[in-house]
Protein backbone atom coordinates (compact mmCIF):
# COMPACT_ATOMS: atom_id res chain seq x y z
CA MET A 1 160.03 -10.73 304.90
CA GLY A 2 162.37 -10.12 307.84
CA SER A 3 163.21 -13.46 307.88
CA ALA A 4 163.64 -14.22 304.49
CA THR A 5 166.33 -11.47 303.89
CA SER A 6 168.01 -13.34 307.58
CA SER A 7 168.14 -16.52 305.94
CA ARG A 8 169.25 -15.56 302.66
CA SER A 9 172.24 -13.85 304.22
CA ARG A 10 172.94 -16.48 306.51
CA VAL A 11 172.91 -18.88 303.10
CA VAL A 12 175.11 -16.55 301.05
CA ARG A 13 177.69 -16.50 304.27
CA LEU A 14 177.91 -21.17 304.53
CA ALA A 15 177.95 -20.51 300.47
CA LEU A 16 181.28 -18.49 301.07
CA LEU A 17 182.76 -20.23 304.05
CA ASP A 18 182.00 -23.46 302.27
CA ALA A 19 183.79 -21.45 298.83
CA PHE A 20 187.22 -20.85 301.75
CA ALA A 21 187.15 -24.11 303.16
CA ALA A 22 187.52 -25.81 299.55
CA GLY A 23 189.66 -23.16 298.21
CA ALA A 24 191.85 -23.87 300.96
CA GLY A 25 191.58 -27.91 300.74
CA LEU A 26 192.68 -27.74 296.77
CA GLY A 27 195.43 -25.25 298.12
CA TYR A 28 197.08 -27.91 300.56
CA LEU A 29 196.41 -30.80 297.84
CA ALA A 30 197.88 -29.49 295.11
CA HIS A 31 201.08 -27.95 297.93
CA GLU A 32 201.24 -31.16 299.17
CA TYR A 33 201.23 -33.43 295.68
CA ARG A 34 202.68 -30.52 293.47
CA GLU A 35 204.66 -33.44 291.12
CA VAL A 36 201.24 -34.92 290.47
CA VAL A 37 199.64 -31.93 289.42
CA VAL A 38 202.49 -30.89 287.35
CA ALA A 39 202.85 -34.40 285.47
CA ASN A 40 198.66 -34.84 285.05
CA PRO A 41 197.42 -31.13 283.79
CA GLY A 42 195.00 -33.18 281.25
CA VAL A 43 193.17 -35.13 283.75
CA ILE A 44 192.85 -32.75 286.26
CA GLY A 45 190.96 -30.11 283.32
CA VAL A 46 188.66 -32.98 282.46
CA ALA A 47 188.00 -33.27 286.16
CA LEU A 48 187.48 -29.88 286.55
CA LEU A 49 185.36 -29.72 283.55
CA LEU A 50 183.17 -32.43 285.24
CA VAL A 51 182.51 -30.62 288.20
CA PHE A 52 181.98 -27.28 286.81
CA ALA A 53 179.22 -29.42 284.18
CA SER A 54 177.25 -31.46 287.35
CA GLY A 55 177.26 -28.02 289.40
CA TYR A 56 175.39 -26.87 286.42
CA LEU A 57 173.44 -29.88 286.01
CA ILE A 58 172.31 -29.46 289.39
CA ARG A 59 171.27 -25.82 289.30
CA VAL A 60 169.32 -26.45 286.01
CA ALA A 61 167.63 -29.27 288.04
CA VAL A 62 166.97 -27.69 290.61
CA ARG A 63 165.26 -24.32 288.83
CA ALA A 64 163.16 -26.84 286.51
CA LEU A 65 161.68 -28.45 290.21
CA ARG A 66 161.32 -25.26 291.60
CA ARG A 67 159.52 -23.90 288.61
CA ALA A 68 157.30 -27.25 289.02
CA GLY A 69 156.48 -26.97 292.38
CA SER A 70 154.86 -23.23 291.96
CA ARG A 71 152.50 -24.66 288.91
CA VAL A 72 151.75 -27.13 291.55
CA ASP A 73 150.90 -25.18 294.64
CA ALA A 74 149.07 -22.68 291.46
CA ILE A 75 147.04 -25.50 290.88
CA PHE A 76 146.31 -26.26 294.32
CA ALA A 77 145.39 -22.54 295.03
CA GLU A 78 142.91 -22.49 292.02
CA GLU A 79 141.03 -25.27 293.30
CA LEU A 80 140.57 -25.05 296.38
CA GLY A 81 139.76 -21.02 295.74
CA LYS A 82 136.79 -23.37 293.67
CA LYS A 83 135.65 -25.60 296.29
CA PRO A 84 132.31 -24.60 297.93
CA SER A 85 132.67 -22.89 301.83
CA PRO A 86 131.42 -26.03 304.26
CA ARG A 87 129.30 -23.63 306.16
CA PRO A 88 125.26 -23.46 305.26
CA ARG A 89 124.10 -20.50 304.17
């Protein structure tokens, strides 16, 4: 279990680093293109809405695939448990 915790910790750290890099990049772009940002708030709002919606859809898809994978694993485990031993008795 120790390795699962360390890999989860690593994933969290990488996600935070990615979020920081994306925020810094967006901040730089907003500073450089200030006039464009102020002139088109509707387009930017719709774009942000689409980004968040696509992120949510990806999250839902990953959960569904994990759930389906665990069901398949359970079916395999059940079927393999019923299989007779190849050794003679």
